[in-house]
C-alpha atoms as a PDB file:
ATOM      1  CA  MET A   1      11.314  -5.234   5.229  1.00  0.00           C
ATOM      2  CA  GLU A   2       9.130  -4.616   8.349  1.00  0.00           C
ATOM      3  CA  TYR A   3       7.952  -1.173   8.611  1.00  0.00           C
ATOM      4  CA  THR A   4       5.406   0.455  11.247  1.00  0.00           C
ATOM      5  CA  CYS A   5       2.050   1.749  10.090  1.00  0.00           C
ATOM      6  CA  ILE A   6       0.465   4.211  12.122  1.00  0.00           C
ATOM      7  CA  TYR A   7      -3.720   5.062  12.056  1.00  0.00           C
ATOM      8  CA  GLN A   8      -5.429   7.934  13.938  1.00  0.00           C
ATOM      9  CA  SER A   9      -8.775   8.517  14.259  1.00  0.00           C
ATOM     10  CA  GLY A  10      -9.856  11.274  16.076  1.00  0.00           C
ATOM     11  CA  ASN A  11      -8.043  10.639  19.867  1.00  0.00           C
ATOM     12  CA  ARG A  12      -7.458   7.179  18.971  1.00  0.00           C
ATOM     13  CA  LYS A  13      -3.963   6.080  17.889  1.00  0.00           C
ATOM     14  CA  GLN A  14      -2.808   2.922  16.411  1.00  0.00           C
ATOM     15  CA  ALA A  15       0.459   1.174  15.602  1.00  0.00           C
ATOM     16  CA  TRP A  16       0.776  -2.035  13.885  1.00  0.00           C
ATOM     17  CA  GLN A  17       4.030  -3.630  12.407  1.00  0.00           C
ATOM     18  CA  SER A  18       3.349  -5.047   8.805  1.00  0.00           C
ATOM     19  CA  GLU A  19       5.970  -6.468   6.106  1.00  0.00           C
ATOM     20  CA  ILE A  20       6.371  -6.049   2.363  1.00  0.00           C
ATOM     21  CA  ARG A  21       8.466  -8.402   0.435  1.00  0.00           C
ATOM     22  CA  LEU A  22       9.153  -7.766  -2.943  1.00  0.00           C
ATOM     23  CA  LEU A  23       8.080 -10.487  -5.369  1.00  0.00           C
ATOM     24  CA  HIS A  24       9.214  -8.675  -8.902  1.00  0.00           C
ATOM     25  CA  GLN A  25      10.769  -5.156 -10.086  1.00  0.00           C
ATOM     26  CA  ASP A  26      10.497  -4.518 -14.077  1.00  0.00           C
ATOM     27  CA  GLY A  27      11.492  -0.781 -15.153  1.00  0.00           C
ATOM     28  CA  CYS A  28       8.695   1.097 -13.703  1.00  0.00           C
ATOM     29  CA  SER A  29       6.769  -2.222 -11.893  1.00  0.00           C
ATOM     30  CA  PHE A  30       6.667  -3.780  -8.741  1.00  0.00           C
ATOM     31  CA  GLU A  31       5.050  -6.409  -7.655  1.00  0.00           C
ATOM     32  CA  ALA A  32       5.082  -7.644  -3.984  1.00  0.00           C
ATOM     33  CA  GLU A  33       3.698  -9.191  -0.730  1.00  0.00           C
ATOM     34  CA  ILE A  34       2.266  -6.649   1.743  1.00  0.00           C
ATOM     35  CA  ASN A  35       0.915  -8.606   5.215  1.00  0.00           C
ATOM     36  CA  GLY A  36      -0.167  -6.508   7.971  1.00  0.00           C
ATOM     37  CA  ARG A  37      -2.840  -7.118  11.007  1.00  0.00           C
ATOM     38  CA  GLY A  38      -3.511 -10.778   9.839  1.00  0.00           C
ATOM     39  CA  THR A  39      -4.380  -9.743   6.079  1.00  0.00           C
ATOM     40  CA  TYR A  40      -2.495 -10.410   3.117  1.00  0.00           C
ATOM     41  CA  PHE A  41      -2.252  -7.955  -0.066  1.00  0.00           C
ATOM     42  CA  HIS A  42      -0.611  -9.367  -3.675  1.00  0.00           C
ATOM     43  CA  VAL A  43      -0.064  -5.714  -4.861  1.00  0.00           C
ATOM     44  CA  ILE A  44       1.213  -4.699  -8.683  1.00  0.00           C
ATOM     45  CA  VAL A  45       2.022  -1.323  -8.423  1.00  0.00           C
ATOM     46  CA  GLY A  46       3.255   0.773 -11.737  1.00  0.00           C
ATOM     47  CA  LYS A  47       3.037   4.081 -13.667  1.00  0.00           C
ATOM     48  CA  HIS A  48       1.382   4.993 -16.532  1.00  0.00           C
ATOM     49  CA  ARG A  49       0.926   8.021 -18.535  1.00  0.00           C
ATOM     50  CA  TYR A  50      -0.889  10.001 -16.406  1.00  0.00           C
ATOM     51  CA  GLY A  51       0.609   9.138 -13.068  1.00  0.00           C
ATOM     52  CA  ASN A  52       0.333   5.772 -10.482  1.00  0.00           C
ATOM     53  CA  TYR A  53      -1.614   2.889  -9.960  1.00  0.00           C
ATOM     54  CA  ILE A  54      -1.845  -0.142  -7.907  1.00  0.00           C
ATOM     55  CA  CYS A  55      -3.947  -3.639  -8.584  1.00  0.00           C
ATOM     56  CA  ILE A  56      -4.452  -5.916  -5.932  1.00  0.00           C
ATOM     57  CA  PRO A  57      -5.960  -9.252  -7.548  1.00  0.00           C
ATOM     58  CA  ASN A  58      -6.194 -10.729  -4.485  1.00  0.00           C
ATOM     59  CA  HIS A  59      -9.184  -8.103  -3.056  1.00  0.00           C
ATOM     60  CA  ASP A  60     -10.604  -7.245  -6.524  1.00  0.00           C
ATOM     61  CA  ILE A  61      -9.371  -3.773  -6.491  1.00  0.00           C
ATOM     62  CA  GLY A  62      -7.739  -1.277  -8.798  1.00  0.00           C
ATOM     63  CA  CYS A  63      -7.048   2.358  -8.578  1.00  0.00           C
ATOM     64  CA  GLU A  64      -4.799   5.546  -9.223  1.00  0.00           C
ATOM     65  CA  LEU A  65      -2.207   6.289  -6.788  1.00  0.00           C
ATOM     66  CA  SER A  66       0.005   9.381  -5.763  1.00  0.00           C
ATOM     67  CA  ASP A  67       3.257   9.596  -5.122  1.00  0.00           C
ATOM     68  CA  TYR A  68       4.468   6.010  -3.570  1.00  0.00           C
ATOM     69  CA  SER A  69       5.085   8.507  -0.609  1.00  0.00           C
ATOM     70  CA  ASP A  70       2.119  10.311  -0.239  1.00  0.00           C
ATOM     71  CA  ILE A  71       0.624   8.033   2.602  1.00  0.00           C
ATOM     72  CA  PHE A  72      -2.552  10.486   3.133  1.00  0.00           C
ATOM     73  CA  TRP A  73      -3.508  10.736  -0.416  1.00  0.00           C
ATOM     74  CA  ASN A  74      -2.884   6.814  -1.145  1.00  0.00           C
ATOM     75  CA  ARG A  75      -4.687   5.742   1.915  1.00  0.00           C
ATOM     76  CA  GLU A  76      -7.978   7.979   1.293  1.00  0.00           C
ATOM     77  CA  ARG A  77      -7.658   6.643  -2.193  1.00  0.00           C
ATOM     78  CA  LEU A  78      -7.424   2.959  -0.840  1.00  0.00           C
ATOM     79  CA  SER A  79     -10.319   3.479   1.618  1.00  0.00           C
ATOM     80  CA  GLN A  80     -12.735   3.550  -1.002  1.00  0.00           C
ATOM     81  CA  HIS A  81     -12.071   0.004  -1.380  1.00  0.00           C
ATOM     82  CA  LEU A  82     -11.046  -1.333   1.915  1.00  0.00           C
ATOM     83  CA  LYS A  83     -11.270  -1.120   5.456  1.00  0.00           C
ATOM     84  CA  LYS A  84      -9.238   2.037   6.652  1.00  0.00           C
ATOM     85  CA  VAL A  85      -6.497  -0.217   8.527  1.00  0.00           C
ATOM     86  CA  ASP A  86      -6.368  -2.357   5.781  1.00  0.00           C
ATOM     87  CA  ALA A  87      -5.684   1.086   3.523  1.00  0.00           C
ATOM     88  CA  THR A  88      -2.938   2.181   5.666  1.00  0.00           C
ATOM     89  CA  THR A  89      -1.107  -1.308   5.671  1.00  0.00           C
ATOM     90  CA  VAL A  90      -0.870  -0.599   2.079  1.00  0.00           C
ATOM     91  CA  ALA A  91      -0.135   3.131   1.851  1.00  0.00           C
ATOM     92  CA  TYR A  92       3.038   2.415   4.293  1.00  0.00           C
ATOM     93  CA  GLY A  93       4.057  -0.408   2.165  1.00  0.00           C
ATOM     94  CA  LEU A  94       4.227   1.537  -0.816  1.00  0.00           C
ATOM     95  CA  VAL A  95       7.007   4.326   0.851  1.00  0.00           C
ATOM     96  CA  HIS A  96       9.568   1.366   0.932  1.00  0.00           C
ATOM     97  CA  LEU A  97       8.883  -0.290  -2.448  1.00  0.00           C
ATOM     98  CA  LYS A  98      11.753   1.899  -3.933  1.00  0.00           C
ATOM     99  CA  GLU A  99      14.325   0.826  -0.879  1.00  0.00           C
ATOM    100  CA  LEU A 100      13.912  -3.330  -2.011  1.00  0.00           C
END
């Protein structure tokens, strides 16, 4: 599934196309591939007792998430580990997980 990402920094606004492909779904967890701006992310997303989490093994990243639809919070959390544009690509992709 293709989707549009939007990142704004001050007066500068960027938009680009990305793609998410579901690899596996098992109850409350998802495994997917996200591609955007030339970067590939293998993501494993799910729920634990206190909320949601994401692991991105090919980037050695793991952290907590808000609801999958909360682009702002998830982008801010992911940007502690990734470049802002990459965090934006992943955060926008998470919104579409339940549609796949």
